Every structure is written in C-alpha cells, then in structure tokens.
Amino acid sequence: MIKREKNNERLERKQNKIDAGLLSDLYPNMNSIVIKMNYYHKHSDASYMQRTINFYPQSAAYFHMECMKSECTNGGFDLGPAISKMAKKRLTSDNGEMQCRGNGGPGHVRIDYDIAIKYSKK
C-alpha cells in the first residue's frame, strides 16, 4: 500500500511542479535561489543527509521538498512561504527549521535550511 501511495505522490508532485510555472514568471527579479538543507532523524542532532538545490529563472517555481524517509506519505517540507516572505522583503538570506508532518509519525524527520537569493540589479 505504501508503494502505491508513494507512486501517486510522485505523480502528483510532478504535476504540481508543472503547474507551478517558472521562477522567472513568479519572481521576475530573481537570478537564483540556493537552498541548503540538513536532514535529521527524530531526537537526533546528527545530520544524516545534506542536500543543496539550485533554482534559476528557467527552473520550476516548486519549493516543496520531499521527506526522505521511505515509509513517509503525504509529507515533506514546503519552503514556498519562506521564499515568498524573502521576496516581499527582498531579503538575500534566511534560515529556519521544519518538521515533516507526513504519515511517518509526528516529527519523524526534520530539516534545518539556509536559503540564499540573488536578485537582478533593477
């Protein structure tokens, strides 16, 4: 059952990514976004995975990052609100922490993240 749910989630994410449009359409004044994330298991301070994702004007403006726990369904981390806040204030960097709220159990995975945005000089 989990395998079918995960497959359906992947298909939905793929469609959501298409529907999100391009970064240049949503944020025309951005040249790039770099998101660095560290993944942690529940109650652990040791990072088990580091991930860096780069976005450019022709990238999809889709900022929902998948939970890396294989059993988790309907989870992940939506960094869209953080990026939107940064864009409104024209911030170049921000950081924070999020917990996955998926079906892998409450707080089963968390991330800390750093976001760096480069804007055009307009």
Protein backbone atom coordinates (compact mmCIF):
# COMPACT_ATOMS: atom_id res chain seq x y z
CA MET A 1 0.00 0.00 0.00
CA ILE A 2 2.80 2.42 0.85
CA LYS A 3 4.39 1.76 -2.55
CA ARG A 4 1.18 2.72 -4.36
CA GLU A 5 0.76 5.85 -2.20
CA LYS A 6 4.36 6.91 -2.84
CA ASN A 7 3.90 6.42 -6.58
CA ASN A 8 0.71 8.50 -6.54
CA GLU A 9 2.55 11.21 -4.59
CA ARG A 10 5.35 11.27 -7.16
CA LEU A 11 2.86 11.69 -9.99
CA GLU A 12 1.08 14.46 -8.09
CA ARG A 13 4.39 16.23 -7.33
CA LYS A 14 5.35 16.02 -10.99
CA GLN A 15 2.07 17.68 -11.99
CA ASN A 16 2.39 20.30 -9.23
CA LYS A 17 5.86 21.14 -10.47
CA ILE A 18 4.49 21.70 -13.98
CA ASP A 19 1.58 23.76 -12.62
CA ALA A 20 3.92 25.95 -10.53
CA GLY A 21 5.31 27.67 -13.62
CA LEU A 22 8.77 29.13 -13.97
CA LEU A 23 10.74 31.02 -11.35
CA SER A 24 11.11 33.90 -13.82
CA ASP A 25 7.30 34.17 -14.10
CA LEU A 26 6.65 34.09 -10.36
CA TYR A 27 9.66 36.17 -9.29
CA PRO A 28 10.97 38.08 -12.34
CA ASN A 29 13.56 39.95 -10.28
CA MET A 30 15.37 36.81 -9.03
CA ASN A 31 18.51 35.49 -10.67
CA SER A 32 18.94 32.43 -8.47
CA ILE A 33 17.92 30.66 -5.28
CA VAL A 34 20.14 28.22 -3.41
CA ILE A 35 18.57 26.06 -0.70
CA LYS A 36 20.86 24.08 1.60
CA MET A 37 19.20 21.54 3.87
CA ASN A 38 20.35 19.16 6.57
CA TYR A 39 18.05 16.21 7.36
CA TYR A 40 17.81 14.78 10.89
CA HIS A 41 16.04 11.78 12.39
CA LYS A 42 13.66 12.35 15.30
CA HIS A 43 15.52 13.21 18.52
CA SER A 44 18.92 13.30 16.81
CA ASP A 45 21.38 16.14 16.42
CA ALA A 46 23.44 14.26 13.84
CA SER A 47 22.59 15.11 10.26
CA TYR A 48 22.13 12.00 8.13
CA MET A 49 21.92 13.83 4.81
CA GLN A 50 22.85 17.19 3.34
CA ARG A 51 21.17 18.47 0.22
CA THR A 52 21.69 21.57 -1.93
CA ILE A 53 19.15 22.60 -4.56
CA ASN A 54 19.71 25.39 -7.07
CA PHE A 55 16.92 27.29 -8.83
CA TYR A 56 17.42 29.54 -11.85
CA PRO A 57 14.98 31.70 -13.85
CA GLN A 58 14.04 28.75 -16.09
CA SER A 59 13.55 26.37 -13.13
CA ALA A 60 10.12 25.37 -11.93
CA ALA A 61 8.96 27.57 -9.04
CA TYR A 62 8.15 24.49 -6.99
CA PHE A 63 9.61 24.59 -3.48
CA HIS A 64 8.08 21.53 -1.80
CA MET A 65 10.92 19.24 -0.75
CA GLU A 66 10.24 15.56 -0.28
CA CYS A 67 10.64 13.77 3.04
CA MET A 68 13.50 11.32 2.64
CA LYS A 69 12.01 8.69 4.98
CA SER A 70 10.87 5.91 2.66
CA GLU A 71 7.80 5.00 4.73
CA CYS A 72 6.53 8.59 4.89
CA THR A 73 3.48 9.52 2.83
CA ASN A 74 1.90 12.96 2.44
CA GLY A 75 4.94 14.58 4.00
CA GLY A 76 7.75 16.87 3.05
CA PHE A 77 8.74 20.45 3.57
CA ASP A 78 7.15 23.44 1.85
CA LEU A 79 9.73 26.20 1.57
CA GLY A 80 7.47 28.30 -0.67
CA PRO A 81 6.21 30.55 2.16
CA ALA A 82 9.78 31.24 3.33
CA ILE A 83 10.85 32.19 -0.20
CA SER A 84 7.74 34.33 -0.69
CA LYS A 85 8.48 36.20 2.55
CA MET A 86 12.06 36.75 1.47
CA ALA A 87 10.96 38.07 -1.93
CA LYS A 88 8.49 40.53 -0.39
CA LYS A 89 11.19 41.93 1.89
CA ARG A 90 13.92 41.50 -0.74
CA LEU A 91 16.00 39.50 1.73
CA THR A 92 19.11 37.81 0.39
CA SER A 93 19.39 35.12 3.08
CA ASP A 94 17.27 33.38 5.67
CA ASN A 95 17.27 30.14 7.62
CA GLY A 96 14.95 28.04 9.71
CA GLU A 97 13.84 24.59 10.75
CA MET A 98 10.82 22.46 9.81
CA GLN A 99 9.40 19.11 10.84
CA CYS A 100 7.77 16.68 8.45
CA ARG A 101 4.08 16.26 9.17
CA GLY A 102 3.63 13.21 6.97
CA ASN A 103 2.31 9.79 7.88
CA GLY A 104 5.67 8.53 9.09
CA GLY A 105 4.80 9.59 12.65
CA PRO A 106 4.88 13.09 14.15
CA GLY A 107 8.27 14.76 13.90
CA HIS A 108 9.91 11.67 12.41
CA VAL A 109 12.21 13.80 10.25
CA ARG A 110 13.23 17.44 10.50
CA ILE A 111 15.38 19.74 8.46
CA ASP A 112 17.24 22.92 9.00
CA TYR A 113 17.70 25.09 5.95
CA ASP A 114 19.56 28.09 4.63
CA ILE A 115 18.17 29.98 1.65
CA ALA A 116 20.23 32.42 -0.41
CA ILE A 117 18.64 34.56 -3.12
CA LYS A 118 20.36 36.69 -5.74
CA TYR A 119 18.26 39.43 -7.28
CA SER A 120 18.71 41.31 -10.55
CA LYS A 121 20.07 44.83 -10.14
CA LYS A 122 16.91 46.57 -11.40
